[in-house]
PDB file of N, CA and C in Angstrom:
ATOM      1  N   MET A   1     -47.287-207.407  18.254  1.00  0.00           N
ATOM      2  CA  MET A   1     -46.996-207.158  19.628  1.00  0.00           C
ATOM      3  C   MET A   1     -45.500-207.107  19.864  1.00  0.00           C
ATOM      4  N   ALA A   2     -44.778-207.834  19.075  1.00  0.00           N
ATOM      5  CA  ALA A   2     -43.337-207.871  19.253  1.00  0.00           C
ATOM      6  C   ALA A   2     -42.723-206.510  19.008  1.00  0.00           C
ATOM      7  N   ASP A   3     -43.265-205.755  18.047  1.00  0.00           N
ATOM      8  CA  ASP A   3     -42.744-204.413  17.776  1.00  0.00           C
ATOM      9  C   ASP A   3     -42.966-203.501  18.966  1.00  0.00           C
ATOM     10  N   GLY A   4     -44.078-203.606  19.632  1.00  0.00           N
ATOM     11  CA  GLY A   4     -44.384-202.774  20.780  1.00  0.00           C
ATOM     12  C   GLY A   4     -43.456-203.049  21.939  1.00  0.00           C
ATOM     13  N   LEU A   5     -43.080-204.332  22.133  1.00  0.00           N
ATOM     14  CA  LEU A   5     -42.200-204.692  23.234  1.00  0.00           C
ATOM     15  C   LEU A   5     -40.758-204.301  22.948  1.00  0.00           C
ATOM     16  N   GLU A   6     -40.394-204.332  21.684  1.00  0.00           N
ATOM     17  CA  GLU A   6     -39.034-203.954  21.333  1.00  0.00           C
ATOM     18  C   GLU A   6     -38.800-202.462  21.563  1.00  0.00           C
ATOM     19  N   ASN A   7     -39.779-201.647  21.298  1.00  0.00           N
ATOM     20  CA  ASN A   7     -39.661-200.187  21.445  1.00  0.00           C
ATOM     21  C   ASN A   7     -40.041-199.704  22.843  1.00  0.00           C
ATOM     22  N   LEU A   8     -40.424-200.612  23.689  1.00  0.00           N
ATOM     23  CA  LEU A   8     -40.922-200.220  25.013  1.00  0.00           C
ATOM     24  C   LEU A   8     -39.919-199.407  25.828  1.00  0.00           C
ATOM     25  N   PRO A   9     -38.676-199.810  25.950  1.00  0.00           N
ATOM     26  CA  PRO A   9     -37.736-198.982  26.736  1.00  0.00           C
ATOM     27  C   PRO A   9     -37.571-197.580  26.163  1.00  0.00           C
ATOM     28  N   GLU A  10     -37.539-197.461  24.856  1.00  0.00           N
ATOM     29  CA  GLU A  10     -37.418-196.132  24.232  1.00  0.00           C
ATOM     30  C   GLU A  10     -38.668-195.298  24.473  1.00  0.00           C
ATOM     31  N   ARG A  11     -39.792-195.956  24.385  1.00  0.00           N
ATOM     32  CA  ARG A  11     -41.053-195.236  24.609  1.00  0.00           C
ATOM     33  C   ARG A  11     -41.149-194.796  26.068  1.00  0.00           C
ATOM     34  N   VAL A  12     -40.729-195.652  26.996  1.00  0.00           N
ATOM     35  CA  VAL A  12     -40.753-195.299  28.415  1.00  0.00           C
ATOM     36  C   VAL A  12     -39.819-194.122  28.668  1.00  0.00           C
ATOM     37  N   GLU A  13     -38.647-194.150  28.058  1.00  0.00           N
ATOM     38  CA  GLU A  13     -37.710-193.036  28.206  1.00  0.00           C
ATOM     39  C   GLU A  13     -38.303-191.748  27.652  1.00  0.00           C
ATOM     40  N   ALA A  14     -38.985-191.825  26.539  1.00  0.00           N
ATOM     41  CA  ALA A  14     -39.611-190.643  25.937  1.00  0.00           C
ATOM     42  C   ALA A  14     -40.694-190.087  26.869  1.00  0.00           C
ATOM     43  N   VAL A  15     -41.494-191.003  27.431  1.00  0.00           N
ATOM     44  CA  VAL A  15     -42.543-190.574  28.362  1.00  0.00           C
ATOM     45  C   VAL A  15     -41.926-189.960  29.611  1.00  0.00           C
ATOM     46  N   GLU A  16     -40.851-190.596  30.121  1.00  0.00           N
ATOM     47  CA  GLU A  16     -40.164-190.050  31.296  1.00  0.00           C
ATOM     48  C   GLU A  16     -39.613-188.657  31.010  1.00  0.00           C
ATOM     49  N   GLY A  17     -39.022-188.491  29.815  1.00  0.00           N
ATOM     50  CA  GLY A  17     -38.488-187.167  29.431  1.00  0.00           C
ATOM     51  C   GLY A  17     -39.589-186.120  29.373  1.00  0.00           C
ATOM     52  N   LYS A  18     -40.731-186.523  28.814  1.00  0.00           N
ATOM     53  CA  LYS A  18     -41.851-185.592  28.734  1.00  0.00           C
ATOM     54  C   LYS A  18     -42.370-185.244  30.126  1.00  0.00           C
ATOM     55  N   LEU A  19     -42.453-186.250  31.010  1.00  0.00           N
ATOM     56  CA  LEU A  19     -42.912-185.998  32.378  1.00  0.00           C
ATOM     57  C   LEU A  19     -41.945-185.084  33.129  1.00  0.00           C
ATOM     58  N   GLU A  20     -40.637-185.288  32.939  1.00  0.00           N
ATOM     59  CA  GLU A  20     -39.653-184.416  33.584  1.00  0.00           C
ATOM     60  C   GLU A  20     -39.790-182.982  33.064  1.00  0.00           C
ATOM     61  N   GLY A  21     -39.976-182.857  31.748  1.00  0.00           N
ATOM     62  CA  GLY A  21     -40.185-181.523  31.163  1.00  0.00           C
ATOM     63  C   GLY A  21     -41.442-180.869  31.703  1.00  0.00           C
ATOM     64  N   LEU A  22     -42.503-181.666  31.831  1.00  0.00           N
ATOM     65  CA  LEU A  22     -43.758-181.150  32.370  1.00  0.00           C
ATOM     66  C   LEU A  22     -43.583-180.724  33.829  1.00  0.00           C
ATOM     67  N   ALA A  23     -42.879-181.544  34.607  1.00  0.00           N
ATOM     68  CA  ALA A  23     -42.642-181.206  36.017  1.00  0.00           C
ATOM     69  C   ALA A  23     -41.843-179.911  36.126  1.00  0.00           C
ATOM     70  N   ALA A  24     -40.818-179.769  35.274  1.00  0.00           N
ATOM     71  CA  ALA A  24     -40.014-178.539  35.292  1.00  0.00           C
ATOM     72  C   ALA A  24     -40.874-177.337  34.897  1.00  0.00           C
ATOM     73  N   SER A  25     -41.733-177.521  33.904  1.00  0.00           N
ATOM     74  CA  SER A  25     -42.609-176.432  33.461  1.00  0.00           C
ATOM     75  C   SER A  25     -43.591-176.029  34.560  1.00  0.00           C
ATOM     76  N   VAL A  26     -44.154-177.032  35.230  1.00  0.00           N
ATOM     77  CA  VAL A  26     -45.092-176.757  36.325  1.00  0.00           C
ATOM     78  C   VAL A  26     -44.367-176.039  37.455  1.00  0.00           C
ATOM     79  N   GLU A  27     -43.162-176.477  37.777  1.00  0.00           N
ATOM     80  CA  GLU A  27     -42.374-175.830  38.837  1.00  0.00           C
ATOM     81  C   GLU A  27     -42.083-174.372  38.485  1.00  0.00           C
ATOM     82  N   THR A  28     -41.723-174.130  37.235  1.00  0.00           N
ATOM     83  CA  THR A  28     -41.460-172.767  36.778  1.00  0.00           C
ATOM     84  C   THR A  28     -42.717-171.896  36.897  1.00  0.00           C
ATOM     85  N   ARG A  29     -43.847-172.439  36.501  1.00  0.00           N
ATOM     86  CA  ARG A  29     -45.108-171.689  36.579  1.00  0.00           C
ATOM     87  C   ARG A  29     -45.471-171.395  38.035  1.00  0.00           C
ATOM     88  N   PHE A  30     -45.274-172.381  38.918  1.00  0.00           N
ATOM     89  CA  PHE A  30     -45.567-172.143  40.332  1.00  0.00           C
ATOM     90  C   PHE A  30     -44.639-171.075  40.912  1.00  0.00           C
ATOM     91  N   ASP A  31     -43.363-171.089  40.490  1.00  0.00           N
ATOM     92  CA  ASP A  31     -42.444-170.036  40.947  1.00  0.00           C
ATOM     93  C   ASP A  31     -42.936-168.664  40.482  1.00  0.00           C
ATOM     94  N   HIS A  32     -43.411-168.604  39.244  1.00  0.00           N
ATOM     95  CA  HIS A  32     -43.945-167.344  38.711  1.00  0.00           C
ATOM     96  C   HIS A  32     -45.178-166.903  39.516  1.00  0.00           C
ATOM     97  N   VAL A  33     -46.063-167.842  39.792  1.00  0.00           N
ATOM     98  CA  VAL A  33     -47.265-167.521  40.572  1.00  0.00           C
ATOM     99  C   VAL A  33     -46.883-167.064  41.980  1.00  0.00           C
ATOM    100  N   ASP A  34     -45.904-167.713  42.588  1.00  0.00           N
ATOM    101  CA  ASP A  34     -45.445-167.306  43.921  1.00  0.00           C
ATOM    102  C   ASP A  34     -44.896-165.878  43.905  1.00  0.00           C
ATOM    103  N   ARG A  35     -44.117-165.548  42.866  1.00  0.00           N
ATOM    104  CA  ARG A  35     -43.584-164.181  42.756  1.00  0.00           C
ATOM    105  C   ARG A  35     -44.718-163.171  42.610  1.00  0.00           C
ATOM    106  N   ARG A  36     -45.722-163.520  41.818  1.00  0.00           N
ATOM    107  CA  ARG A  36     -46.860-162.602  41.636  1.00  0.00           C
ATOM    108  C   ARG A  36     -47.617-162.430  42.959  1.00  0.00           C
ATOM    109  N   PHE A  37     -47.806-163.495  43.715  1.00  0.00           N
ATOM    110  CA  PHE A  37     -48.467-163.371  45.013  1.00  0.00           C
ATOM    111  C   PHE A  37     -47.647-162.491  45.957  1.00  0.00           C
ATOM    112  N   ASP A  38     -46.332-162.619  45.915  1.00  0.00           N
ATOM    113  CA  ASP A  38     -45.483-161.754  46.733  1.00  0.00           C
ATOM    114  C   ASP A  38     -45.659-160.289  46.335  1.00  0.00           C
ATOM    115  N   GLN A  39     -45.744-160.035  45.029  1.00  0.00           N
ATOM    116  CA  GLN A  39     -45.959-158.661  44.564  1.00  0.00           C
ATOM    117  C   GLN A  39     -47.314-158.137  45.037  1.00  0.00           C
ATOM    118  N   VAL A  40     -48.329-158.978  44.938  1.00  0.00           N
ATOM    119  CA  VAL A  40     -49.667-158.577  45.379  1.00  0.00           C
ATOM    120  C   VAL A  40     -49.663-158.306  46.886  1.00  0.00           C
ATOM    121  N   ASP A  41     -48.990-159.155  47.644  1.00  0.00           N
ATOM    122  CA  ASP A  41     -48.896-158.941  49.092  1.00  0.00           C
ATOM    123  C   ASP A  41     -48.220-157.612  49.413  1.00  0.00           C
ATOM    124  N   ARG A  42     -47.145-157.297  48.690  1.00  0.00           N
ATOM    125  CA  ARG A  42     -46.471-156.010  48.920  1.00  0.00           C
ATOM    126  C   ARG A  42     -47.383-154.841  48.592  1.00  0.00           C
ATOM    127  N   ARG A  43     -48.148-154.964  47.510  1.00  0.00           N
ATOM    128  CA  ARG A  43     -49.078-153.884  47.148  1.00  0.00           C
ATOM    129  C   ARG A  43     -50.156-153.721  48.226  1.00  0.00           C
ATOM    130  N   PHE A  44     -50.672-154.835  48.749  1.00  0.00           N
ATOM    131  CA  PHE A  44     -51.658-154.739  49.821  1.00  0.00           C
ATOM    132  C   PHE A  44     -51.056-154.095  51.066  1.00  0.00           C
ATOM    133  N   ASP A  45     -49.799-154.408  51.353  1.00  0.00           N
ATOM    134  CA  ASP A  45     -49.134-153.761  52.482  1.00  0.00           C
ATOM    135  C   ASP A  45     -49.041-152.255  52.265  1.00  0.00           C
ATOM    136  N   GLN A  46     -48.720-151.855  51.036  1.00  0.00           N
ATOM    137  CA  GLN A  46     -48.642-150.421  50.728  1.00  0.00           C
ATOM    138  C   GLN A  46     -50.009-149.764  50.873  1.00  0.00           C
ATOM    139  N   VAL A  47     -51.039-150.444  50.385  1.00  0.00           N
ATOM    140  CA  VAL A  47     -52.396-149.897  50.504  1.00  0.00           C
ATOM    141  C   VAL A  47     -52.791-149.795  51.978  1.00  0.00           C
ATOM    142  N   ASP A  48     -52.451-150.812  52.769  1.00  0.00           N
ATOM    143  CA  ASP A  48     -52.742-150.764  54.204  1.00  0.00           C
ATOM    144  C   ASP A  48     -52.046-149.588  54.866  1.00  0.00           C
ATOM    145  N   GLN A  49     -50.796-149.325  54.484  1.00  0.00           N
ATOM    146  CA  GLN A  49     -50.075-148.183  55.046  1.00  0.00           C
ATOM    147  C   GLN A  49     -50.757-146.876  54.671  1.00  0.00           C
ATOM    148  N   ARG A  50     -51.221-146.790  53.435  1.00  0.00           N
ATOM    149  CA  ARG A  50     -51.927-145.565  53.008  1.00  0.00           C
ATOM    150  C   ARG A  50     -53.229-145.397  53.785  1.00  0.00           C
ATOM    151  N   PHE A  51     -53.949-146.484  53.989  1.00  0.00           N
ATOM    152  CA  PHE A  51     -55.184-146.391  54.772  1.00  0.00           C
ATOM    153  C   PHE A  51     -54.883-145.993  56.213  1.00  0.00           C
ATOM    154  N   ASP A  52     -53.769-146.476  56.757  1.00  0.00           N
ATOM    155  CA  ASP A  52     -53.383-146.051  58.100  1.00  0.00           C
ATOM    156  C   ASP A  52     -53.146-144.549  58.145  1.00  0.00           C
ATOM    157  N   LEU A  53     -52.499-144.012  57.102  1.00  0.00           N
ATOM    158  CA  LEU A  53     -52.277-142.565  57.041  1.00  0.00           C
ATOM    159  C   LEU A  53     -53.601-141.811  56.923  1.00  0.00           C
ATOM    160  N   VAL A  54     -54.519-142.360  56.127  1.00  0.00           N
ATOM    161  CA  VAL A  54     -55.835-141.723  55.990  1.00  0.00           C
ATOM    162  C   VAL A  54     -56.564-141.760  57.332  1.00  0.00           C
ATOM    163  N   ASP A  55     -56.493-142.890  58.032  1.00  0.00           N
ATOM    164  CA  ASP A  55     -57.128-142.985  59.350  1.00  0.00           C
ATOM    165  C   ASP A  55     -56.538-141.967  60.317  1.00  0.00           C
ATOM    166  N   GLN A  56     -55.212-141.805  60.288  1.00  0.00           N
ATOM    167  CA  GLN A  56     -54.582-140.813  61.152  1.00  0.00           C
ATOM    168  C   GLN A  56     -55.072-139.408  60.808  1.00  0.00           C
ATOM    169  N   ARG A  57     -55.178-139.132  59.521  1.00  0.00           N
ATOM    170  CA  ARG A  57     -55.648-137.802  59.094  1.00  0.00           C
ATOM    171  C   ARG A  57     -57.090-137.580  59.541  1.00  0.00           C
ATOM    172  N   PHE A  58     -57.932-138.587  59.419  1.00  0.00           N
ATOM    173  CA  PHE A  58     -59.311-138.441  59.889  1.00  0.00           C
ATOM    174  C   PHE A  58     -59.350-138.204  61.396  1.00  0.00           C
ATOM    175  N   ASP A  59     -58.468-138.868  62.138  1.00  0.00           N
ATOM    176  CA  ASP A  59     -58.399-138.623  63.578  1.00  0.00           C
ATOM    177  C   ASP A  59     -58.008-137.181  63.859  1.00  0.00           C
ATOM    178  N   GLN A  60     -57.065-136.645  63.073  1.00  0.00           N
ATOM    179  CA  GLN A  60     -56.667-135.245  63.244  1.00  0.00           C
ATOM    180  C   GLN A  60     -57.827-134.304  62.922  1.00  0.00           C
ATOM    181  N   VAL A  61     -58.528-134.592  61.846  1.00  0.00           N
ATOM    182  CA  VAL A  61     -59.669-133.759  61.460  1.00  0.00           C
ATOM    183  C   VAL A  61     -60.741-133.815  62.541  1.00  0.00           C
ATOM    184  N   GLU A  62     -61.010-135.015  63.038  1.00  0.00           N
ATOM    185  CA  GLU A  62     -62.023-135.156  64.085  1.00  0.00           C
ATOM    186  C   GLU A  62     -61.623-134.359  65.322  1.00  0.00           C
ATOM    187  N   ALA A  63     -60.360-134.446  65.719  1.00  0.00           N
ATOM    188  CA  ALA A  63     -59.893-133.704  66.892  1.00  0.00           C
ATOM    189  C   ALA A  63     -60.023-132.202  66.662  1.00  0.00           C
ATOM    190  N   ALA A  64     -59.691-131.753  65.458  1.00  0.00           N
ATOM    191  CA  ALA A  64     -59.797-130.327  65.156  1.00  0.00           C
ATOM    192  C   ALA A  64     -61.257-129.876  65.167  1.00  0.00           C
ATOM    193  N   LEU A  65     -62.151-130.703  64.642  1.00  0.00           N
ATOM    194  CA  LEU A  65     -63.578-130.339  64.652  1.00  0.00           C
ATOM    195  C   LEU A  65     -64.124-130.302  66.082  1.00  0.00           C
ATOM    196  N   ILE A  66     -63.697-131.240  66.895  1.00  0.00           N
ATOM    197  CA  ILE A  66     -64.132-131.237  68.291  1.00  0.00           C
ATOM    198  C   ILE A  66     -63.636-129.970  68.984  1.00  0.00           C
ATOM    199  N   GLU A  67     -62.381-129.630  68.741  1.00  0.00           N
ATOM    200  CA  GLU A  67     -61.814-128.406  69.333  1.00  0.00           C
ATOM    201  C   GLU A  67     -62.553-127.171  68.818  1.00  0.00           C
ATOM    202  N   GLN A  68     -62.854-127.174  67.529  1.00  0.00           N
ATOM    203  CA  GLN A  68     -63.569-126.039  66.944  1.00  0.00           C
ATOM    204  C   GLN A  68     -64.952-125.902  67.568  1.00  0.00           C
ATOM    205  N   ARG A  69     -65.647-127.009  67.726  1.00  0.00           N
ATOM    206  CA  ARG A  69     -66.981-126.950  68.332  1.00  0.00           C
ATOM    207  C   ARG A  69     -66.903-126.524  69.791  1.00  0.00           C
ATOM    208  N   ARG A  70     -65.899-127.035  70.497  1.00  0.00           N
ATOM    209  CA  ARG A  70     -65.730-126.646  71.893  1.00  0.00           C
ATOM    210  C   ARG A  70     -65.468-125.149  71.999  1.00  0.00           C
ATOM    211  N   CYS A  71     -64.590-124.648  71.171  1.00  0.00           N
ATOM    212  CA  CYS A  71     -64.264-123.226  71.211  1.00  0.00           C
ATOM    213  C   CYS A  71     -65.447-122.370  70.761  1.00  0.00           C
ATOM    214  N   SER A  72     -66.193-122.861  69.792  1.00  0.00           N
ATOM    215  CA  SER A  72     -67.324-122.061  69.318  1.00  0.00           C
ATOM    216  C   SER A  72     -68.421-122.010  70.368  1.00  0.00           C
ATOM    217  N   SER A  73     -68.587-123.099  71.119  1.00  0.00           N
ATOM    218  CA  SER A  73     -69.620-123.068  72.147  1.00  0.00           C
ATOM    219  C   SER A  73     -69.173-122.223  73.337  1.00  0.00           C
ATOM    220  N   VAL A  74     -67.862-122.168  73.605  1.00  0.00           N
ATOM    221  CA  VAL A  74     -67.356-121.337  74.700  1.00  0.00           C
ATOM    222  C   VAL A  74     -67.479-119.873  74.342  1.00  0.00           C
ATOM    223  N   SER A  75     -67.116-119.515  73.119  1.00  0.00           N
ATOM    224  CA  SER A  75     -67.123-118.107  72.738  1.00  0.00           C
ATOM    225  C   SER A  75     -68.508-117.626  72.329  1.00  0.00           C
ATOM    226  N   GLY A  76     -69.437-118.548  72.153  1.00  0.00           N
ATOM    227  CA  GLY A  76     -70.790-118.161  71.789  1.00  0.00           C
ATOM    228  C   GLY A  76     -70.954-117.826  70.322  1.00  0.00           C
ATOM    229  N   GLU A  77     -69.961-118.104  69.532  1.00  0.00           N
ATOM    230  CA  GLU A  77     -70.052-117.800  68.102  1.00  0.00           C
ATOM    231  C   GLU A  77     -70.923-118.840  67.411  1.00  0.00           C
ATOM    232  N   ARG A  78     -71.570-118.428  66.364  1.00  0.00           N
ATOM    233  CA  ARG A  78     -72.405-119.317  65.564  1.00  0.00           C
ATOM    234  C   ARG A  78     -71.663-119.608  64.262  1.00  0.00           C
ATOM    235  N   PHE A  79     -71.573-120.868  63.931  1.00  0.00           N
ATOM    236  CA  PHE A  79     -70.884-121.248  62.708  1.00  0.00           C
ATOM    237  C   PHE A  79     -71.886-121.615  61.625  1.00  0.00           C
ATOM    238  N   HIS A  80     -71.399-121.547  60.427  1.00  0.00           N
ATOM    239  CA  HIS A  80     -72.173-121.934  59.250  1.00  0.00           C
ATOM    240  C   HIS A  80     -72.546-123.412  59.381  1.00  0.00           C
ATOM    241  N   PRO A  81     -73.686-123.838  58.826  1.00  0.00           N
ATOM    242  CA  PRO A  81     -74.104-125.243  58.950  1.00  0.00           C
ATOM    243  C   PRO A  81     -73.074-126.247  58.430  1.00  0.00           C
ATOM    244  N   SER A  82     -72.210-125.828  57.533  1.00  0.00           N
ATOM    245  CA  SER A  82     -71.201-126.764  57.031  1.00  0.00           C
ATOM    246  C   SER A  82     -70.148-127.053  58.080  1.00  0.00           C
ATOM    247  N   GLY A  83     -70.164-126.343  59.193  1.00  0.00           N
ATOM    248  CA  GLY A  83     -69.173-126.549  60.232  1.00  0.00           C
ATOM    249  C   GLY A  83     -68.000-125.601  60.118  1.00  0.00           C
ATOM    250  N   LEU A  84     -67.946-124.815  59.049  1.00  0.00           N
ATOM    251  CA  LEU A  84     -66.851-123.872  58.874  1.00  0.00           C
ATOM    252  C   LEU A  84     -67.329-122.465  59.242  1.00  0.00           C
ATOM    253  N   PRO A  85     -66.514-121.708  59.937  1.00  0.00           N
ATOM    254  CA  PRO A  85     -66.927-120.358  60.296  1.00  0.00           C
ATOM    255  C   PRO A  85     -66.904-119.450  59.079  1.00  0.00           C
ATOM    256  N   ASN A  86     -67.746-118.424  59.115  1.00  0.00           N
ATOM    257  CA  ASN A  86     -67.700-117.466  58.019  1.00  0.00           C
ATOM    258  C   ASN A  86     -66.557-116.476  58.267  1.00  0.00           C
ATOM    259  N   ARG A  87     -66.306-115.620  57.313  1.00  0.00           N
ATOM    260  CA  ARG A  87     -65.154-114.720  57.377  1.00  0.00           C
ATOM    261  C   ARG A  87     -65.230-113.776  58.567  1.00  0.00           C
ATOM    262  N   SER A  88     -66.390-113.181  58.814  1.00  0.00           N
ATOM    263  CA  SER A  88     -66.488-112.228  59.928  1.00  0.00           C
ATOM    264  C   SER A  88     -66.266-112.939  61.275  1.00  0.00           C
ATOM    265  N   THR A  89     -66.742-114.160  61.396  1.00  0.00           N
ATOM    266  CA  THR A  89     -66.524-114.915  62.631  1.00  0.00           C
ATOM    267  C   THR A  89     -65.043-115.199  62.824  1.00  0.00           C
ATOM    268  N   LEU A  90     -64.371-115.564  61.738  1.00  0.00           N
ATOM    269  CA  LEU A  90     -62.935-115.815  61.831  1.00  0.00           C
ATOM    270  C   LEU A  90     -62.189-114.566  62.260  1.00  0.00           C
ATOM    271  N   MET A  91     -62.578-113.425  61.706  1.00  0.00           N
ATOM    272  CA  MET A  91     -61.914-112.165  62.065  1.00  0.00           C
ATOM    273  C   MET A  91     -62.116-111.853  63.545  1.00  0.00           C
ATOM    274  N   ARG A  92     -63.355-112.018  64.032  1.00  0.00           N
ATOM    275  CA  ARG A  92     -63.633-111.737  65.442  1.00  0.00           C
ATOM    276  C   ARG A  92     -62.878-112.714  66.342  1.00  0.00           C
ATOM    277  N   LEU A  93     -62.844-113.995  65.939  1.00  0.00           N
ATOM    278  CA  LEU A  93     -62.145-114.974  66.761  1.00  0.00           C
ATOM    279  C   LEU A  93     -60.646-114.717  66.795  1.00  0.00           C
ATOM    280  N   SER A  94     -60.083-114.365  65.655  1.00  0.00           N
ATOM    281  CA  SER A  94     -58.639-114.120  65.643  1.00  0.00           C
ATOM    282  C   SER A  94     -58.312-112.849  66.408  1.00  0.00           C
ATOM    283  N   ALA A  95     -59.200-111.855  66.365  1.00  0.00           N
ATOM    284  CA  ALA A  95     -58.956-110.616  67.098  1.00  0.00           C
ATOM    285  C   ALA A  95     -59.068-110.830  68.600  1.00  0.00           C
ATOM    286  N   SER A  96     -59.957-111.724  69.005  1.00  0.00           N
ATOM    287  CA  SER A  96     -60.167-111.937  70.430  1.00  0.00           C
ATOM    288  C   SER A  96     -59.489-113.209  70.931  1.00  0.00           C
ATOM    289  N   SER A  97     -58.545-113.752  70.152  1.00  0.00           N
ATOM    290  CA  SER A  97     -57.948-115.030  70.540  1.00  0.00           C
ATOM    291  C   SER A  97     -57.174-114.931  71.851  1.00  0.00           C
ATOM    292  N   ALA A  98     -56.662-113.746  72.179  1.00  0.00           N
ATOM    293  CA  ALA A  98     -55.934-113.613  73.439  1.00  0.00           C
ATOM    294  C   ALA A  98     -56.872-113.741  74.628  1.00  0.00           C
ATOM    295  N   GLU A  99     -58.137-113.359  74.422  1.00  0.00           N
ATOM    296  CA  GLU A  99     -59.103-113.426  75.511  1.00  0.00           C
ATOM    297  C   GLU A  99     -59.840-114.755  75.550  1.00  0.00           C
ATOM    298  N   SER A 100     -59.789-115.495  74.461  1.00  0.00           N
ATOM    299  CA  SER A 100     -60.567-116.725  74.345  1.00  0.00           C
ATOM    300  C   SER A 100     -59.995-117.821  75.231  1.00  0.00           C
ATOM    301  N   PRO A 101     -60.858-118.543  75.938  1.00  0.00           N
ATOM    302  CA  PRO A 101     -60.362-119.664  76.730  1.00  0.00           C
ATOM    303  C   PRO A 101     -59.752-120.758  75.865  1.00  0.00           C
ATOM    304  N   CYS A 102     -60.102-120.800  74.611  1.00  0.00           N
ATOM    305  CA  CYS A 102     -59.559-121.826  73.723  1.00  0.00           C
ATOM    306  C   CYS A 102     -58.156-121.478  73.251  1.00  0.00           C
ATOM    307  N   SER A 103     -57.728-120.241  73.414  1.00  0.00           N
ATOM    308  CA  SER A 103     -56.408-119.869  72.935  1.00  0.00           C
ATOM    309  C   SER A 103     -55.312-120.467  73.801  1.00  0.00           C
ATOM    310  N   THR A 104     -55.647-120.950  74.988  1.00  0.00           N
ATOM    311  CA  THR A 104     -54.639-121.552  75.858  1.00  0.00           C
ATOM    312  C   THR A 104     -54.502-123.047  75.612  1.00  0.00           C
ATOM    313  N   SER A 105     -55.203-123.542  74.633  1.00  0.00           N
ATOM    314  CA  SER A 105     -55.141-124.971  74.332  1.00  0.00           C
ATOM    315  C   SER A 105     -53.712-125.370  73.959  1.00  0.00           C
ATOM    316  N   GLN A 106     -53.254-126.463  74.521  1.00  0.00           N
ATOM    317  CA  GLN A 106     -51.918-126.960  74.227  1.00  0.00           C
ATOM    318  C   GLN A 106     -51.863-127.627  72.853  1.00  0.00           C
ATOM    319  N   GLN A 107     -52.991-128.066  72.369  1.00  0.00           N
ATOM    320  CA  GLN A 107     -53.049-128.778  71.095  1.00  0.00           C
ATOM    321  C   GLN A 107     -53.781-127.908  70.079  1.00  0.00           C
ATOM    322  N   PRO A 108     -53.061-127.181  69.219  1.00  0.00           N
ATOM    323  CA  PRO A 108     -53.751-126.348  68.235  1.00  0.00           C
ATOM    324  C   PRO A 108     -54.423-127.223  67.177  1.00  0.00           C
ATOM    325  N   ALA A 109     -55.435-126.668  66.567  1.00  0.00           N
ATOM    326  CA  ALA A 109     -56.126-127.388  65.497  1.00  0.00           C
ATOM    327  C   ALA A 109     -55.138-127.647  64.374  1.00  0.00           C
ATOM    328  N   THR A 110     -55.183-128.856  63.815  1.00  0.00           N
ATOM    329  CA  THR A 110     -54.236-129.227  62.762  1.00  0.00           C
ATOM    330  C   THR A 110     -54.857-129.110  61.384  1.00  0.00           C
ATOM    331  N   VAL A 111     -56.106-128.710  61.320  1.00  0.00           N
ATOM    332  CA  VAL A 111     -56.791-128.624  60.040  1.00  0.00           C
ATOM    333  C   VAL A 111     -57.004-127.162  59.709  1.00  0.00           C
ATOM    334  N   PRO A 112     -56.496-126.696  58.570  1.00  0.00           N
ATOM    335  CA  PRO A 112     -56.730-125.304  58.217  1.00  0.00           C
ATOM    336  C   PRO A 112     -58.214-125.088  57.926  1.00  0.00           C
ATOM    337  N   VAL A 113     -58.719-123.965  58.376  1.00  0.00           N
ATOM    338  CA  VAL A 113     -60.126-123.647  58.175  1.00  0.00           C
ATOM    339  C   VAL A 113     -60.212-122.558  57.119  1.00  0.00           C
ATOM    340  N   ARG A 114     -60.934-122.867  56.051  1.00  0.00           N
ATOM    341  CA  ARG A 114     -61.121-121.879  55.000  1.00  0.00           C
ATOM    342  C   ARG A 114     -62.419-121.138  55.249  1.00  0.00           C
ATOM    343  N   PRO A 115     -62.400-119.825  55.217  1.00  0.00           N
ATOM    344  CA  PRO A 115     -63.644-119.079  55.436  1.00  0.00           C
ATOM    345  C   PRO A 115     -64.570-119.247  54.232  1.00  0.00           C
ATOM    346  N   ILE A 116     -65.844-119.103  54.508  1.00  0.00           N
ATOM    347  CA  ILE A 116     -66.855-119.169  53.449  1.00  0.00           C
ATOM    348  C   ILE A 116     -66.861-117.817  52.746  1.00  0.00           C
ATOM    349  N   PRO A 117     -66.784-117.815  51.425  1.00  0.00           N
ATOM    350  CA  PRO A 117     -66.791-116.523  50.718  1.00  0.00           C
ATOM    351  C   PRO A 117     -68.118-115.798  50.952  1.00  0.00           C
ATOM    352  N   PRO A 118     -68.064-114.482  51.037  1.00  0.00           N
ATOM    353  CA  PRO A 118     -69.305-113.730  51.264  1.00  0.00           C
ATOM    354  C   PRO A 118     -70.295-113.958  50.113  1.00  0.00           C
ATOM    355  N   GLN A 119     -71.540-114.018  50.486  1.00  0.00           N
ATOM    356  CA  GLN A 119     -72.597-114.198  49.472  1.00  0.00           C
ATOM    357  C   GLN A 119     -72.897-112.867  48.832  1.00  0.00           C
ATOM    358  N   GLN A 120     -73.129-112.901  47.553  1.00  0.00           N
ATOM    359  CA  GLN A 120     -73.414-111.651  46.835  1.00  0.00           C
ATOM    360  C   GLN A 120     -74.813-111.611  46.322  1.00  0.00           C
TER     361      GLN A 120
END
């Protein structure tokens, strides 16, 4: 027992040194984890911004489709079931756009409309 008591201060110092090293290591790891969480938060912010842009685009598409349906019901034109006009309808609408009540709209459609290719 005497040997254990003689080495006790040295052993306590060794344990204290190890605990300080462990505390420093844990602090370093927590700093690393905090940095990673900050990076993840920034990425989520970027994703949220992209979703906001997608939501805005969907709002534009919805507004254009509503305008298209309104104009098609006013002009009496029949559109393809996909919601897109066929080529001949587009030609007639563009030719008569000066007479169309929809041509005076202050808000033009923001979505380009591709005509359906003729069936062969």
